[in-house]
Amino acid sequence: MITPVHRSNNNINFDWTYFWSWSRFMDYVQCVLAFTLVAAYITYLLLDSALFVETLGFLAVFTEAMLGTPQLYCNYQNKSTEGMR
């Protein structure tokens, strides 16, 4: 659910402080689309570079491997696994 934001933000008056506080869903979609297109173009340009492909693969696997870290940290702080989220 998108919650209302007190300040009107869009991609024209961009401020890093409010990056995750999207006031309009279309601004979010535009940002995701722009990121995807830029990443795809860079990948297309560097597809022949073994170093780039290996680095991209490592970052993908590393990101997926780190998904459980917040739960691990929460369990460590609670010294228990009871009530796992």
N, C-alpha and C. Protein backbone atom coordinates (compact mmCIF):
# COMPACT_ATOMS: atom_id res chain seq x y z
N MET A 1 0.84 -1.17 0.00
CA MET A 1 0.00 0.00 0.00
C MET A 1 0.89 1.24 0.00
N ILE A 2 0.57 2.17 -0.83
CA ILE A 2 1.33 3.41 -0.91
C ILE A 2 0.73 4.40 0.08
N THR A 3 1.57 4.90 0.98
CA THR A 3 1.08 5.85 1.97
C THR A 3 1.26 7.27 1.47
N PRO A 4 0.36 8.16 1.84
CA PRO A 4 0.48 9.55 1.38
C PRO A 4 1.68 10.23 2.01
N VAL A 5 2.28 11.10 1.26
CA VAL A 5 3.45 11.84 1.70
C VAL A 5 3.06 13.30 1.83
N HIS A 6 3.57 13.95 2.86
CA HIS A 6 3.20 15.35 3.11
C HIS A 6 3.77 16.29 2.05
N ARG A 7 4.91 15.96 1.52
CA ARG A 7 5.58 16.81 0.55
C ARG A 7 5.39 16.23 -0.83
N SER A 8 5.08 17.06 -1.80
CA SER A 8 4.92 16.59 -3.16
C SER A 8 6.28 16.38 -3.79
N ASN A 9 6.56 15.15 -4.18
CA ASN A 9 7.85 14.81 -4.78
C ASN A 9 7.61 14.23 -6.16
N ASN A 10 8.43 14.60 -7.09
CA ASN A 10 8.41 13.95 -8.38
C ASN A 10 9.83 13.94 -8.92
N ASN A 11 10.00 13.41 -10.09
CA ASN A 11 11.35 13.28 -10.61
C ASN A 11 11.96 14.61 -11.05
N ILE A 12 11.20 15.69 -11.04
CA ILE A 12 11.75 16.99 -11.40
C ILE A 12 12.43 17.65 -10.20
N ASN A 13 11.78 17.63 -9.03
CA ASN A 13 12.39 18.22 -7.83
C ASN A 13 12.96 17.11 -6.95
N PHE A 14 13.89 16.35 -7.48
CA PHE A 14 14.45 15.17 -6.84
C PHE A 14 15.28 15.54 -5.63
N ASP A 15 15.05 14.84 -4.52
CA ASP A 15 15.81 15.02 -3.28
C ASP A 15 16.09 13.63 -2.71
N TRP A 16 17.36 13.30 -2.45
CA TRP A 16 17.74 11.98 -1.96
C TRP A 16 17.07 11.65 -0.63
N THR A 17 16.74 12.65 0.18
CA THR A 17 16.13 12.40 1.47
C THR A 17 14.78 11.71 1.33
N TYR A 18 14.08 11.97 0.25
CA TYR A 18 12.75 11.42 0.04
C TYR A 18 12.73 10.35 -1.05
N PHE A 19 13.86 9.66 -1.26
CA PHE A 19 13.94 8.72 -2.37
C PHE A 19 12.88 7.63 -2.29
N TRP A 20 12.66 7.05 -1.11
CA TRP A 20 11.68 5.97 -0.98
C TRP A 20 10.29 6.46 -0.63
N SER A 21 10.08 7.76 -0.55
CA SER A 21 8.76 8.32 -0.23
C SER A 21 8.11 8.83 -1.51
N TRP A 22 7.71 7.93 -2.35
CA TRP A 22 7.13 8.31 -3.62
C TRP A 22 5.73 8.89 -3.39
N SER A 23 5.47 10.06 -3.93
CA SER A 23 4.14 10.66 -3.78
C SER A 23 3.21 10.18 -4.89
N ARG A 24 3.78 9.74 -6.00
CA ARG A 24 2.96 9.21 -7.09
C ARG A 24 3.56 7.89 -7.55
N PHE A 25 2.70 6.94 -7.83
CA PHE A 25 3.15 5.62 -8.27
C PHE A 25 3.89 5.71 -9.61
N MET A 26 3.46 6.59 -10.49
CA MET A 26 4.10 6.71 -11.80
C MET A 26 5.55 7.19 -11.70
N ASP A 27 5.87 8.01 -10.70
CA ASP A 27 7.27 8.41 -10.49
C ASP A 27 8.12 7.20 -10.14
N TYR A 28 7.58 6.32 -9.31
CA TYR A 28 8.28 5.08 -8.95
C TYR A 28 8.49 4.21 -10.19
N VAL A 29 7.45 4.06 -10.98
CA VAL A 29 7.54 3.23 -12.20
C VAL A 29 8.57 3.82 -13.16
N GLN A 30 8.60 5.14 -13.31
CA GLN A 30 9.58 5.79 -14.19
C GLN A 30 11.00 5.54 -13.70
N CYS A 31 11.21 5.61 -12.39
CA CYS A 31 12.55 5.38 -11.84
C CYS A 31 13.00 3.94 -12.08
N VAL A 32 12.11 2.99 -11.82
CA VAL A 32 12.45 1.58 -12.03
C VAL A 32 12.71 1.31 -13.51
N LEU A 33 11.89 1.89 -14.37
CA LEU A 33 12.07 1.71 -15.82
C LEU A 33 13.39 2.31 -16.29
N ALA A 34 13.71 3.52 -15.82
CA ALA A 34 14.97 4.16 -16.20
C ALA A 34 16.16 3.34 -15.73
N PHE A 35 16.11 2.85 -14.48
CA PHE A 35 17.20 2.02 -13.96
C PHE A 35 17.36 0.75 -14.79
N THR A 36 16.25 0.11 -15.12
CA THR A 36 16.29 -1.12 -15.90
C THR A 36 16.88 -0.88 -17.29
N LEU A 37 16.47 0.20 -17.94
CA LEU A 37 16.99 0.50 -19.28
C LEU A 37 18.47 0.83 -19.25
N VAL A 38 18.91 1.61 -18.27
CA VAL A 38 20.34 1.95 -18.17
C VAL A 38 21.16 0.69 -17.88
N ALA A 39 20.69 -0.14 -16.95
CA ALA A 39 21.40 -1.37 -16.61
C ALA A 39 21.45 -2.32 -17.82
N ALA A 40 20.35 -2.41 -18.56
CA ALA A 40 20.33 -3.28 -19.74
C ALA A 40 21.29 -2.77 -20.81
N TYR A 41 21.33 -1.46 -21.00
CA TYR A 41 22.23 -0.88 -22.01
C TYR A 41 23.70 -1.10 -21.63
N ILE A 42 24.03 -0.89 -20.36
CA ILE A 42 25.40 -1.12 -19.90
C ILE A 42 25.77 -2.59 -20.05
N THR A 43 24.83 -3.48 -19.71
CA THR A 43 25.09 -4.92 -19.86
C THR A 43 25.29 -5.28 -21.33
N TYR A 44 24.49 -4.70 -22.21
CA TYR A 44 24.63 -4.96 -23.64
C TYR A 44 26.01 -4.51 -24.14
N LEU A 45 26.45 -3.33 -23.69
CA LEU A 45 27.75 -2.81 -24.13
C LEU A 45 28.92 -3.65 -23.62
N LEU A 46 28.80 -4.18 -22.41
CA LEU A 46 29.91 -4.88 -21.78
C LEU A 46 29.74 -6.40 -21.78
N LEU A 47 28.85 -6.90 -22.62
CA LEU A 47 28.56 -8.33 -22.64
C LEU A 47 29.78 -9.17 -23.04
N ASP A 48 30.69 -8.62 -23.82
CA ASP A 48 31.87 -9.36 -24.25
C ASP A 48 32.99 -9.35 -23.21
N SER A 49 32.84 -8.56 -22.15
CA SER A 49 33.84 -8.48 -21.10
C SER A 49 33.61 -9.58 -20.08
N ALA A 50 34.55 -10.49 -19.97
CA ALA A 50 34.42 -11.60 -19.01
C ALA A 50 34.41 -11.06 -17.58
N LEU A 51 35.21 -10.04 -17.32
CA LEU A 51 35.25 -9.47 -15.97
C LEU A 51 33.88 -8.90 -15.58
N PHE A 52 33.23 -8.19 -16.49
CA PHE A 52 31.92 -7.62 -16.19
C PHE A 52 30.89 -8.71 -15.95
N VAL A 53 30.88 -9.73 -16.80
CA VAL A 53 29.90 -10.81 -16.67
C VAL A 53 30.11 -11.56 -15.36
N GLU A 54 31.36 -11.85 -15.01
CA GLU A 54 31.66 -12.54 -13.75
C GLU A 54 31.28 -11.69 -12.55
N THR A 55 31.56 -10.39 -12.61
CA THR A 55 31.20 -9.49 -11.52
C THR A 55 29.69 -9.39 -11.37
N LEU A 56 28.99 -9.27 -12.47
CA LEU A 56 27.53 -9.20 -12.43
C LEU A 56 26.94 -10.48 -11.84
N GLY A 57 27.46 -11.62 -12.23
CA GLY A 57 27.00 -12.89 -11.68
C GLY A 57 27.28 -13.00 -10.19
N PHE A 58 28.49 -12.58 -9.78
CA PHE A 58 28.82 -12.61 -8.35
C PHE A 58 27.89 -11.72 -7.55
N LEU A 59 27.63 -10.51 -8.04
CA LEU A 59 26.75 -9.58 -7.32
C LEU A 59 25.33 -10.14 -7.21
N ALA A 60 24.86 -10.81 -8.24
CA ALA A 60 23.53 -11.40 -8.20
C ALA A 60 23.45 -12.51 -7.16
N VAL A 61 24.44 -13.40 -7.15
CA VAL A 61 24.45 -14.51 -6.20
C VAL A 61 24.66 -13.99 -4.78
N PHE A 62 25.54 -13.02 -4.61
CA PHE A 62 25.82 -12.45 -3.29
C PHE A 62 24.58 -11.77 -2.72
N THR A 63 23.87 -11.03 -3.56
CA THR A 63 22.65 -10.36 -3.11
C THR A 63 21.62 -11.37 -2.65
N GLU A 64 21.45 -12.43 -3.41
CA GLU A 64 20.49 -13.46 -3.02
C GLU A 64 20.92 -14.18 -1.75
N ALA A 65 22.22 -14.40 -1.59
CA ALA A 65 22.71 -15.09 -0.40
C ALA A 65 22.53 -14.24 0.86
N MET A 66 22.53 -12.92 0.72
CA MET A 66 22.42 -12.03 1.87
C MET A 66 20.98 -11.74 2.28
N LEU A 67 19.99 -12.29 1.60
CA LEU A 67 18.59 -12.00 1.91
C LEU A 67 18.19 -12.44 3.32
N GLY A 68 18.82 -13.46 3.84
CA GLY A 68 18.48 -13.95 5.18
C GLY A 68 19.18 -13.22 6.30
N THR A 69 20.10 -12.31 5.99
CA THR A 69 20.89 -11.64 7.01
C THR A 69 20.05 -10.85 8.02
N PRO A 70 19.04 -10.08 7.60
CA PRO A 70 18.25 -9.37 8.62
C PRO A 70 17.57 -10.30 9.62
N GLN A 71 17.06 -11.44 9.16
CA GLN A 71 16.44 -12.40 10.08
C GLN A 71 17.47 -13.00 11.00
N LEU A 72 18.65 -13.31 10.49
CA LEU A 72 19.72 -13.84 11.30
C LEU A 72 20.12 -12.85 12.40
N TYR A 73 20.23 -11.59 12.04
CA TYR A 73 20.59 -10.55 13.01
C TYR A 73 19.50 -10.37 14.07
N CYS A 74 18.24 -10.41 13.64
CA CYS A 74 17.12 -10.30 14.58
C CYS A 74 17.13 -11.48 15.56
N ASN A 75 17.35 -12.68 15.06
CA ASN A 75 17.43 -13.85 15.93
C ASN A 75 18.61 -13.75 16.89
N TYR A 76 19.72 -13.22 16.43
CA TYR A 76 20.90 -13.04 17.29
C TYR A 76 20.60 -12.05 18.42
N GLN A 77 19.93 -10.95 18.09
CA GLN A 77 19.59 -9.97 19.12
C GLN A 77 18.62 -10.55 20.14
N ASN A 78 17.65 -11.33 19.68
CA ASN A 78 16.66 -11.93 20.58
C ASN A 78 17.18 -13.17 21.29
N LYS A 79 18.33 -13.67 20.87
CA LYS A 79 18.93 -14.91 21.39
C LYS A 79 17.94 -16.07 21.32
N SER A 80 17.09 -16.04 20.30
CA SER A 80 16.07 -17.08 20.14
C SER A 80 15.55 -17.05 18.70
N THR A 81 14.97 -18.17 18.31
CA THR A 81 14.30 -18.22 17.02
C THR A 81 12.79 -18.27 17.19
N GLU A 82 12.31 -18.12 18.43
CA GLU A 82 10.88 -18.14 18.70
C GLU A 82 10.25 -16.88 18.12
N GLY A 83 9.11 -17.06 17.46
CA GLY A 83 8.43 -15.93 16.86
C GLY A 83 9.09 -15.42 15.59
N MET A 84 9.75 -16.34 14.87
CA MET A 84 10.40 -15.92 13.62
C MET A 84 9.40 -15.31 12.67
N ARG A 85 9.80 -14.29 12.00
CA ARG A 85 8.93 -13.61 11.04
C ARG A 85 9.01 -14.28 9.70
